Amino acid sequence: MSDLAVAVCQFRPSASRADNRARVAEFTAKAAARGARLVVFPEYTSYFVDPMDATLAENSETIEGEFVAALQDAASAHDVTIIAGLVESAGERVRNALVAVDAAGLRAVYRKQHLYDAFGQTESDWIEAGELDEPQTLAIDGLRIAMMTCYDLRFPEVARTLADAGADVIVVPAEWVRGPLKEHHWTTLLAARAIENTTYVVAADHPTPIGVGHSQIIDPQGVVIAGAGTAEGIAVAELSTAAIAKVRETNPVLELRRYRVVPR
């Protein structure tokens, strides 16, 4: 049985790509010093502006660009894996991507499937949705990691496809926009995704005033085992394959279910 120390870094990305890269390096060093082997950052870590505008495309990058290279440098310096949000080049619009990077380079990519055209926002004005491809996963210290982002959290089918791909840990970088009941939705949905899939959920949000904060690490029974408040900060917890095995033995929902998820 294996254990994996994970850190969620709740920080405020800006319109300065260089500053964002520097802050990722800073947070990664602090997380590694606390024993983390996987370091998770929010959605839009590479570049963020509110409200969104044409600068999003102007500041987008490919996965061969400066941002992923900087992640690889930080991962190599501290012997960790980093997951962070990348504004990825895609022509007139961009993709809202997540990248998992270690010392050897890119390990996995996820592109947001459900765009935030809700609560008065229209993310699709600037972003194109990712293809419904087979999930990319990666293994770290005996646990299989999968990714989704922000608004995808409201669609339980996304997390279920990750569980079908063998995920023990679902990582959820987000920019969960503030609003009435939004903190309640965030914490409730994170716990639900953990409980129904008997997985850990590791969620990193932007701090207030744009995000809701409350980045969390949640165990397979929906219990928050580490978390941040509303300001910038780091939360660290240890994930255990033994804990997953115990929960799945007691509550084998993935084996007992009678439905599969198929794309629309």
C-alpha atoms as a PDB file:
ATOM      1  CA  MET A   1       0.000   0.000   0.000  1.00  0.00           C
ATOM      2  CA  SER A   2       1.263   3.484  -0.894  1.00  0.00           C
ATOM      3  CA  ASP A   3       0.864   7.014   0.415  1.00  0.00           C
ATOM      4  CA  LEU A   4       1.135  10.261  -1.534  1.00  0.00           C
ATOM      5  CA  ALA A   5       1.495  13.743  -0.039  1.00  0.00           C
ATOM      6  CA  VAL A   6      -0.491  16.291  -2.062  1.00  0.00           C
ATOM      7  CA  ALA A   7      -0.590  20.089  -1.866  1.00  0.00           C
ATOM      8  CA  VAL A   8      -3.275  22.455  -3.160  1.00  0.00           C
ATOM      9  CA  CYS A   9      -1.955  25.954  -3.842  1.00  0.00           C
ATOM     10  CA  GLN A  10      -4.633  28.619  -3.614  1.00  0.00           C
ATOM     11  CA  PHE A  11      -3.226  31.659  -5.387  1.00  0.00           C
ATOM     12  CA  ARG A  12      -4.341  34.562  -7.568  1.00  0.00           C
ATOM     13  CA  PRO A  13      -3.080  34.349 -11.176  1.00  0.00           C
ATOM     14  CA  SER A  14      -2.722  37.685 -12.926  1.00  0.00           C
ATOM     15  CA  ALA A  15      -2.332  39.173 -16.404  1.00  0.00           C
ATOM     16  CA  SER A  16       1.465  38.892 -16.034  1.00  0.00           C
ATOM     17  CA  ARG A  17       2.560  35.542 -17.413  1.00  0.00           C
ATOM     18  CA  ALA A  18       6.085  36.036 -16.059  1.00  0.00           C
ATOM     19  CA  ASP A  19       4.780  36.803 -12.579  1.00  0.00           C
ATOM     20  CA  ASN A  20       2.536  33.736 -12.680  1.00  0.00           C
ATOM     21  CA  ARG A  21       5.510  31.521 -13.562  1.00  0.00           C
ATOM     22  CA  ALA A  22       7.551  33.020 -10.727  1.00  0.00           C
ATOM     23  CA  ARG A  23       4.756  32.517  -8.225  1.00  0.00           C
ATOM     24  CA  VAL A  24       4.272  28.898  -9.292  1.00  0.00           C
ATOM     25  CA  ALA A  25       7.973  28.302  -8.608  1.00  0.00           C
ATOM     26  CA  GLU A  26       7.608  29.975  -5.195  1.00  0.00           C
ATOM     27  CA  PHE A  27       4.534  27.995  -4.185  1.00  0.00           C
ATOM     28  CA  THR A  28       6.039  24.744  -5.463  1.00  0.00           C
ATOM     29  CA  ALA A  29       9.156  25.240  -3.311  1.00  0.00           C
ATOM     30  CA  LYS A  30       6.995  25.831  -0.218  1.00  0.00           C
ATOM     31  CA  ALA A  31       4.769  22.822  -0.942  1.00  0.00           C
ATOM     32  CA  ALA A  32       7.759  20.546  -1.539  1.00  0.00           C
ATOM     33  CA  ALA A  33       9.313  21.727   1.717  1.00  0.00           C
ATOM     34  CA  ARG A  34       6.179  20.442   3.443  1.00  0.00           C
ATOM     35  CA  GLY A  35       6.623  17.028   1.831  1.00  0.00           C
ATOM     36  CA  ALA A  36       4.298  17.279  -1.163  1.00  0.00           C
ATOM     37  CA  ARG A  37       4.949  15.019  -4.144  1.00  0.00           C
ATOM     38  CA  LEU A  38       1.997  16.328  -6.168  1.00  0.00           C
ATOM     39  CA  VAL A  39       1.381  20.098  -6.270  1.00  0.00           C
ATOM     40  CA  VAL A  40      -1.929  21.373  -7.657  1.00  0.00           C
ATOM     41  CA  PHE A  41      -2.648  24.904  -8.886  1.00  0.00           C
ATOM     42  CA  PRO A  42      -5.915  26.517 -10.044  1.00  0.00           C
ATOM     43  CA  GLU A  43      -7.521  26.919 -13.434  1.00  0.00           C
ATOM     44  CA  TYR A  44      -6.037  29.731 -15.562  1.00  0.00           C
ATOM     45  CA  THR A  45      -2.709  29.605 -13.714  1.00  0.00           C
ATOM     46  CA  SER A  46      -0.751  30.672 -16.800  1.00  0.00           C
ATOM     47  CA  TYR A  47      -2.831  33.800 -17.452  1.00  0.00           C
ATOM     48  CA  PHE A  48      -6.017  35.331 -16.047  1.00  0.00           C
ATOM     49  CA  VAL A  49      -7.977  38.504 -16.585  1.00  0.00           C
ATOM     50  CA  ASP A  50     -11.449  39.393 -15.334  1.00  0.00           C
ATOM     51  CA  PRO A  51     -13.559  39.986 -17.306  1.00  0.00           C
ATOM     52  CA  MET A  52     -12.189  37.832 -20.102  1.00  0.00           C
ATOM     53  CA  ASP A  53     -11.258  39.623 -23.306  1.00  0.00           C
ATOM     54  CA  ALA A  54      -9.158  39.334 -26.461  1.00  0.00           C
ATOM     55  CA  THR A  55      -5.944  39.298 -24.400  1.00  0.00           C
ATOM     56  CA  LEU A  56      -6.731  35.698 -23.522  1.00  0.00           C
ATOM     57  CA  ALA A  57      -5.831  34.566 -27.047  1.00  0.00           C
ATOM     58  CA  GLU A  58      -2.925  37.020 -27.197  1.00  0.00           C
ATOM     59  CA  ASN A  59      -1.418  35.424 -24.087  1.00  0.00           C
ATOM     60  CA  SER A  60      -2.206  31.810 -24.883  1.00  0.00           C
ATOM     61  CA  GLU A  61       0.585  29.260 -25.300  1.00  0.00           C
ATOM     62  CA  THR A  62       1.114  25.829 -26.757  1.00  0.00           C
ATOM     63  CA  ILE A  63       2.039  22.953 -24.515  1.00  0.00           C
ATOM     64  CA  GLU A  64       5.594  23.405 -25.820  1.00  0.00           C
ATOM     65  CA  GLY A  65       5.652  27.013 -24.564  1.00  0.00           C
ATOM     66  CA  GLU A  66       7.231  28.921 -21.689  1.00  0.00           C
ATOM     67  CA  PHE A  67       4.631  27.974 -19.101  1.00  0.00           C
ATOM     68  CA  VAL A  68       4.975  24.211 -19.395  1.00  0.00           C
ATOM     69  CA  ALA A  69       8.768  24.600 -19.560  1.00  0.00           C
ATOM     70  CA  ALA A  70       8.663  26.595 -16.309  1.00  0.00           C
ATOM     71  CA  LEU A  71       6.524  23.890 -14.686  1.00  0.00           C
ATOM     72  CA  GLN A  72       9.061  21.281 -15.739  1.00  0.00           C
ATOM     73  CA  ASP A  73      11.899  23.354 -14.250  1.00  0.00           C
ATOM     74  CA  ALA A  74      10.065  23.702 -10.927  1.00  0.00           C
ATOM     75  CA  ALA A  75       9.091  20.025 -10.906  1.00  0.00           C
ATOM     76  CA  SER A  76      12.683  19.002 -11.595  1.00  0.00           C
ATOM     77  CA  ALA A  77      14.086  21.319  -8.926  1.00  0.00           C
ATOM     78  CA  HIS A  78      11.849  19.811  -6.226  1.00  0.00           C
ATOM     79  CA  ASP A  79      11.202  16.251  -7.501  1.00  0.00           C
ATOM     80  CA  VAL A  80       7.429  16.759  -7.716  1.00  0.00           C
ATOM     81  CA  THR A  81       4.618  16.557 -10.243  1.00  0.00           C
ATOM     82  CA  ILE A  82       2.707  19.785 -10.918  1.00  0.00           C
ATOM     83  CA  ILE A  83      -0.836  20.153 -12.234  1.00  0.00           C
ATOM     84  CA  ALA A  84      -1.894  23.634 -13.338  1.00  0.00           C
ATOM     85  CA  GLY A  85      -4.250  25.479 -15.665  1.00  0.00           C
ATOM     86  CA  LEU A  86      -2.949  26.577 -19.073  1.00  0.00           C
ATOM     87  CA  VAL A  87      -4.585  28.988 -21.517  1.00  0.00           C
ATOM     88  CA  GLU A  88      -3.747  26.941 -24.607  1.00  0.00           C
ATOM     89  CA  SER A  89      -3.524  28.348 -28.124  1.00  0.00           C
ATOM     90  CA  ALA A  90      -6.312  27.215 -30.467  1.00  0.00           C
ATOM     91  CA  GLY A  91      -6.680  29.835 -33.205  1.00  0.00           C
ATOM     92  CA  GLU A  92      -9.241  32.612 -32.717  1.00  0.00           C
ATOM     93  CA  ARG A  93     -10.354  31.154 -29.405  1.00  0.00           C
ATOM     94  CA  VAL A  94      -8.328  29.236 -26.821  1.00  0.00           C
ATOM     95  CA  ARG A  95      -8.629  25.993 -24.888  1.00  0.00           C
ATOM     96  CA  ASN A  96      -8.953  25.909 -21.144  1.00  0.00           C
ATOM     97  CA  ALA A  97      -6.422  23.158 -20.463  1.00  0.00           C
ATOM     98  CA  LEU A  98      -4.852  21.406 -17.505  1.00  0.00           C
ATOM     99  CA  VAL A  99      -1.341  20.039 -17.751  1.00  0.00           C
ATOM    100  CA  ALA A 100       0.426  17.519 -15.517  1.00  0.00           C
ATOM    101  CA  VAL A 101       4.190  17.978 -15.647  1.00  0.00           C
ATOM    102  CA  ASP A 102       7.134  16.332 -13.890  1.00  0.00           C
ATOM    103  CA  ALA A 103      10.918  16.461 -14.312  1.00  0.00           C
ATOM    104  CA  ALA A 104      10.682  14.415 -17.515  1.00  0.00           C
ATOM    105  CA  GLY A 105       8.113  16.742 -19.084  1.00  0.00           C
ATOM    106  CA  LEU A 106       4.423  16.600 -19.926  1.00  0.00           C
ATOM    107  CA  ARG A 107       2.592  13.606 -18.435  1.00  0.00           C
ATOM    108  CA  ALA A 108      -1.065  14.304 -19.216  1.00  0.00           C
ATOM    109  CA  VAL A 109      -3.415  16.972 -20.591  1.00  0.00           C
ATOM    110  CA  TYR A 110      -7.082  17.689 -19.946  1.00  0.00           C
ATOM    111  CA  ARG A 111      -9.152  20.234 -21.881  1.00  0.00           C
ATOM    112  CA  LYS A 112     -12.285  21.600 -20.246  1.00  0.00           C
ATOM    113  CA  GLN A 113     -15.363  19.861 -21.654  1.00  0.00           C
ATOM    114  CA  HIS A 114     -18.198  21.978 -20.258  1.00  0.00           C
ATOM    115  CA  LEU A 115     -17.846  25.726 -20.741  1.00  0.00           C
ATOM    116  CA  TYR A 116     -19.145  28.160 -18.137  1.00  0.00           C
ATOM    117  CA  ASP A 117     -22.121  29.618 -19.994  1.00  0.00           C
ATOM    118  CA  ALA A 118     -24.107  30.013 -16.801  1.00  0.00           C
ATOM    119  CA  PHE A 119     -24.747  32.414 -13.933  1.00  0.00           C
ATOM    120  CA  GLY A 120     -24.510  35.323 -16.378  1.00  0.00           C
ATOM    121  CA  GLN A 121     -21.115  34.264 -17.788  1.00  0.00           C
ATOM    122  CA  THR A 122     -20.298  33.183 -21.363  1.00  0.00           C
ATOM    123  CA  GLU A 123     -16.940  31.418 -21.352  1.00  0.00           C
ATOM    124  CA  SER A 124     -17.669  30.119 -24.854  1.00  0.00           C
ATOM    125  CA  ASP A 125     -17.124  33.635 -26.226  1.00  0.00           C
ATOM    126  CA  TRP A 126     -13.398  33.035 -25.694  1.00  0.00           C
ATOM    127  CA  ILE A 127     -12.921  29.295 -25.166  1.00  0.00           C
ATOM    128  CA  GLU A 128     -13.565  26.216 -27.284  1.00  0.00           C
ATOM    129  CA  ALA A 129     -14.563  23.008 -25.540  1.00  0.00           C
ATOM    130  CA  GLY A 130     -12.229  20.029 -25.410  1.00  0.00           C
ATOM    131  CA  GLU A 131     -12.907  16.863 -27.341  1.00  0.00           C
ATOM    132  CA  LEU A 132     -14.571  13.965 -25.541  1.00  0.00           C
ATOM    133  CA  ASP A 133     -11.418  11.865 -25.700  1.00  0.00           C
ATOM    134  CA  GLU A 134     -10.442   8.982 -23.459  1.00  0.00           C
ATOM    135  CA  PRO A 135      -9.173  10.426 -20.163  1.00  0.00           C
ATOM    136  CA  GLN A 136      -5.423  10.780 -19.769  1.00  0.00           C
ATOM    137  CA  THR A 137      -4.201   9.616 -16.366  1.00  0.00           C
ATOM    138  CA  LEU A 138      -0.862   9.349 -14.616  1.00  0.00           C
ATOM    139  CA  ALA A 139       0.422   7.236 -11.741  1.00  0.00           C
ATOM    140  CA  ILE A 140       2.331   8.722  -8.819  1.00  0.00           C
ATOM    141  CA  ASP A 141       3.486   6.575  -5.892  1.00  0.00           C
ATOM    142  CA  GLY A 142       0.906   3.889  -6.553  1.00  0.00           C
ATOM    143  CA  LEU A 143      -2.120   6.169  -7.043  1.00  0.00           C
ATOM    144  CA  ARG A 144      -3.699   6.931 -10.410  1.00  0.00           C
ATOM    145  CA  ILE A 145      -4.433  10.614 -10.965  1.00  0.00           C
ATOM    146  CA  ALA A 146      -7.035  12.095 -13.346  1.00  0.00           C
ATOM    147  CA  MET A 147      -8.131  15.679 -14.023  1.00  0.00           C
ATOM    148  CA  MET A 148     -11.154  17.840 -14.748  1.00  0.00           C
ATOM    149  CA  THR A 149     -11.779  21.537 -14.269  1.00  0.00           C
ATOM    150  CA  CYS A 150     -14.248  23.934 -12.641  1.00  0.00           C
ATOM    151  CA  TYR A 151     -17.684  23.842 -14.354  1.00  0.00           C
ATOM    152  CA  ASP A 152     -17.100  20.172 -15.242  1.00  0.00           C
ATOM    153  CA  LEU A 153     -17.674  19.547 -11.529  1.00  0.00           C
ATOM    154  CA  ARG A 154     -21.408  20.132 -12.032  1.00  0.00           C
ATOM    155  CA  PHE A 155     -21.595  17.174 -14.441  1.00  0.00           C
ATOM    156  CA  PRO A 156     -21.196  13.896 -12.510  1.00  0.00           C
ATOM    157  CA  GLU A 157     -20.643  12.006 -15.760  1.00  0.00           C
ATOM    158  CA  VAL A 158     -17.208  13.605 -16.142  1.00  0.00           C
ATOM    159  CA  ALA A 159     -15.958  12.314 -12.815  1.00  0.00           C
ATOM    160  CA  ARG A 160     -17.489   8.903 -13.509  1.00  0.00           C
ATOM    161  CA  THR A 161     -15.536   8.595 -16.771  1.00  0.00           C
ATOM    162  CA  LEU A 162     -12.392   9.326 -14.759  1.00  0.00           C
ATOM    163  CA  ALA A 163     -13.307   6.616 -12.249  1.00  0.00           C
ATOM    164  CA  ASP A 164     -13.870   4.249 -15.183  1.00  0.00           C
ATOM    165  CA  ALA A 165     -10.333   5.101 -16.332  1.00  0.00           C
ATOM    166  CA  GLY A 166      -9.024   3.862 -12.994  1.00  0.00           C
ATOM    167  CA  ALA A 167      -8.703   7.133 -11.103  1.00  0.00           C
ATOM    168  CA  ASP A 168      -7.934   6.978  -7.405  1.00  0.00           C
ATOM    169  CA  VAL A 169      -7.589  10.758  -7.236  1.00  0.00           C
ATOM    170  CA  ILE A 170      -9.602  13.358  -9.161  1.00  0.00           C
ATOM    171  CA  VAL A 171      -7.842  16.716  -9.391  1.00  0.00           C
ATOM    172  CA  VAL A 172     -10.092  19.763  -9.891  1.00  0.00           C
ATOM    173  CA  PRO A 173      -8.344  23.077 -10.631  1.00  0.00           C
ATOM    174  CA  ALA A 174     -10.954  25.843 -10.729  1.00  0.00           C
ATOM    175  CA  GLU A 175     -11.819  29.508 -10.869  1.00  0.00           C
ATOM    176  CA  TRP A 176     -15.118  29.064  -9.057  1.00  0.00           C
ATOM    177  CA  VAL A 177     -16.752  32.468  -9.477  1.00  0.00           C
ATOM    178  CA  ARG A 178     -18.325  33.988  -6.368  1.00  0.00           C
ATOM    179  CA  GLY A 179     -22.082  34.506  -6.118  1.00  0.00           C
ATOM    180  CA  PRO A 180     -25.133  33.519  -4.068  1.00  0.00           C
ATOM    181  CA  LEU A 181     -24.748  29.994  -2.692  1.00  0.00           C
ATOM    182  CA  LYS A 182     -21.622  29.394  -4.811  1.00  0.00           C
ATOM    183  CA  GLU A 183     -19.472  28.368  -1.804  1.00  0.00           C
ATOM    184  CA  HIS A 184     -22.198  25.885  -0.853  1.00  0.00           C
ATOM    185  CA  HIS A 185     -22.315  24.472  -4.386  1.00  0.00           C
ATOM    186  CA  TRP A 186     -18.505  24.180  -4.494  1.00  0.00           C
ATOM    187  CA  THR A 187     -18.102  22.273  -1.245  1.00  0.00           C
ATOM    188  CA  THR A 188     -21.185  20.100  -1.781  1.00  0.00           C
ATOM    189  CA  LEU A 189     -20.240  19.046  -5.310  1.00  0.00           C
ATOM    190  CA  LEU A 190     -16.636  18.306  -4.370  1.00  0.00           C
ATOM    191  CA  ALA A 191     -17.790  16.018  -1.577  1.00  0.00           C
ATOM    192  CA  ALA A 192     -20.381  14.368  -3.816  1.00  0.00           C
ATOM    193  CA  ARG A 193     -17.834  13.552  -6.524  1.00  0.00           C
ATOM    194  CA  ALA A 194     -15.594  11.942  -3.885  1.00  0.00           C
ATOM    195  CA  ILE A 195     -18.383   9.921  -2.277  1.00  0.00           C
ATOM    196  CA  GLU A 196     -20.055   8.637  -5.434  1.00  0.00           C
ATOM    197  CA  ASN A 197     -16.751   7.568  -7.033  1.00  0.00           C
ATOM    198  CA  THR A 198     -14.960   6.474  -3.838  1.00  0.00           C
ATOM    199  CA  THR A 199     -11.963   8.586  -4.837  1.00  0.00           C
ATOM    200  CA  TYR A 200      -9.960  11.374  -3.316  1.00  0.00           C
ATOM    201  CA  VAL A 201     -10.801  14.810  -4.718  1.00  0.00           C
ATOM    202  CA  VAL A 202      -8.080  17.473  -4.764  1.00  0.00           C
ATOM    203  CA  ALA A 203      -9.445  20.926  -5.620  1.00  0.00           C
ATOM    204  CA  ALA A 204      -7.556  24.214  -6.040  1.00  0.00           C
ATOM    205  CA  ASP A 205      -9.455  27.487  -6.471  1.00  0.00           C
ATOM    206  CA  HIS A 206      -8.604  31.175  -6.796  1.00  0.00           C
ATOM    207  CA  PRO A 207      -8.890  33.146  -3.543  1.00  0.00           C
ATOM    208  CA  THR A 208     -11.502  35.837  -3.011  1.00  0.00           C
ATOM    209  CA  PRO A 209     -12.719  38.258  -4.253  1.00  0.00           C
ATOM    210  CA  ILE A 210     -13.020  36.606  -7.710  1.00  0.00           C
ATOM    211  CA  GLY A 211     -13.027  32.943  -6.596  1.00  0.00           C
ATOM    212  CA  VAL A 212     -14.599  31.482  -3.484  1.00  0.00           C
ATOM    213  CA  GLY A 213     -11.367  30.020  -2.106  1.00  0.00           C
ATOM    214  CA  HIS A 214     -11.864  26.958   0.081  1.00  0.00           C
ATOM    215  CA  SER A 215      -9.403  24.801  -1.841  1.00  0.00           C
ATOM    216  CA  GLN A 216      -9.738  21.321  -0.367  1.00  0.00           C
ATOM    217  CA  ILE A 217      -8.439  17.789  -0.221  1.00  0.00           C
ATOM    218  CA  ILE A 218     -11.311  15.357   0.351  1.00  0.00           C
ATOM    219  CA  ASP A 219     -11.129  11.660   1.174  1.00  0.00           C
ATOM    220  CA  PRO A 220     -13.206   8.884  -0.490  1.00  0.00           C
ATOM    221  CA  GLN A 221     -15.936   9.265   2.132  1.00  0.00           C
ATOM    222  CA  GLY A 222     -16.354  12.984   1.447  1.00  0.00           C
ATOM    223  CA  VAL A 223     -14.443  14.205   4.498  1.00  0.00           C
ATOM    224  CA  VAL A 224     -12.250  17.295   4.108  1.00  0.00           C
ATOM    225  CA  ILE A 225      -8.801  16.293   5.369  1.00  0.00           C
ATOM    226  CA  ALA A 226      -7.041  19.568   4.506  1.00  0.00           C
ATOM    227  CA  GLY A 227      -8.136  22.924   3.173  1.00  0.00           C
ATOM    228  CA  ALA A 228      -7.555  26.631   2.794  1.00  0.00           C
ATOM    229  CA  GLY A 229      -9.767  29.564   3.699  1.00  0.00           C
ATOM    230  CA  THR A 230     -10.419  32.494   1.396  1.00  0.00           C
ATOM    231  CA  ALA A 231      -6.893  33.971   1.157  1.00  0.00           C
ATOM    232  CA  GLU A 232      -3.855  32.675  -0.687  1.00  0.00           C
ATOM    233  CA  GLY A 233      -2.268  29.646   0.936  1.00  0.00           C
ATOM    234  CA  ILE A 234      -1.243  26.004   0.749  1.00  0.00           C
ATOM    235  CA  ALA A 235      -2.959  22.943   2.203  1.00  0.00           C
ATOM    236  CA  VAL A 236      -1.225  19.559   2.359  1.00  0.00           C
ATOM    237  CA  ALA A 237      -2.576  16.084   3.090  1.00  0.00           C
ATOM    238  CA  GLU A 238      -1.478  12.494   2.669  1.00  0.00           C
ATOM    239  CA  LEU A 239      -3.503  10.222   0.397  1.00  0.00           C
ATOM    240  CA  SER A 240      -3.537   6.474   1.000  1.00  0.00           C
ATOM    241  CA  THR A 241      -4.252   3.535  -1.272  1.00  0.00           C
ATOM    242  CA  ALA A 242      -5.237   1.599   1.840  1.00  0.00           C
ATOM    243  CA  ALA A 243      -7.988   4.123   2.616  1.00  0.00           C
ATOM    244  CA  ILE A 244      -9.367   3.803  -0.910  1.00  0.00           C
ATOM    245  CA  ALA A 245      -9.313   0.002  -0.732  1.00  0.00           C
ATOM    246  CA  LYS A 246     -11.113   0.011   2.614  1.00  0.00           C
ATOM    247  CA  VAL A 247     -13.880   2.329   1.404  1.00  0.00           C
ATOM    248  CA  ARG A 248     -14.358   0.365  -1.822  1.00  0.00           C
ATOM    249  CA  GLU A 249     -14.586  -2.905   0.089  1.00  0.00           C
ATOM    250  CA  THR A 250     -17.261  -1.475   2.382  1.00  0.00           C
ATOM    251  CA  ASN A 251     -19.111   0.433  -0.326  1.00  0.00           C
ATOM    252  CA  PRO A 252     -18.437  -1.143  -3.762  1.00  0.00           C
ATOM    253  CA  VAL A 253     -20.554   1.345  -5.722  1.00  0.00           C
ATOM    254  CA  LEU A 254     -18.341   1.209  -8.807  1.00  0.00           C
ATOM    255  CA  GLU A 255     -18.891  -2.548  -9.046  1.00  0.00           C
ATOM    256  CA  LEU A 256     -22.596  -2.516  -8.212  1.00  0.00           C
ATOM    257  CA  ARG A 257     -23.773   0.239 -10.561  1.00  0.00           C
ATOM    258  CA  ARG A 258     -25.859  -0.761 -13.578  1.00  0.00           C
ATOM    259  CA  TYR A 259     -25.221   2.182 -15.917  1.00  0.00           C
ATOM    260  CA  ARG A 260     -22.304   3.361 -18.031  1.00  0.00           C
ATOM    261  CA  VAL A 261     -21.549   6.874 -19.249  1.00  0.00           C
ATOM    262  CA  VAL A 262     -21.489   7.462 -23.001  1.00  0.00           C
ATOM    263  CA  PRO A 263     -20.886  10.751 -24.860  1.00  0.00           C
ATOM    264  CA  ARG A 264     -23.816  12.705 -26.287  1.00  0.00           C
END
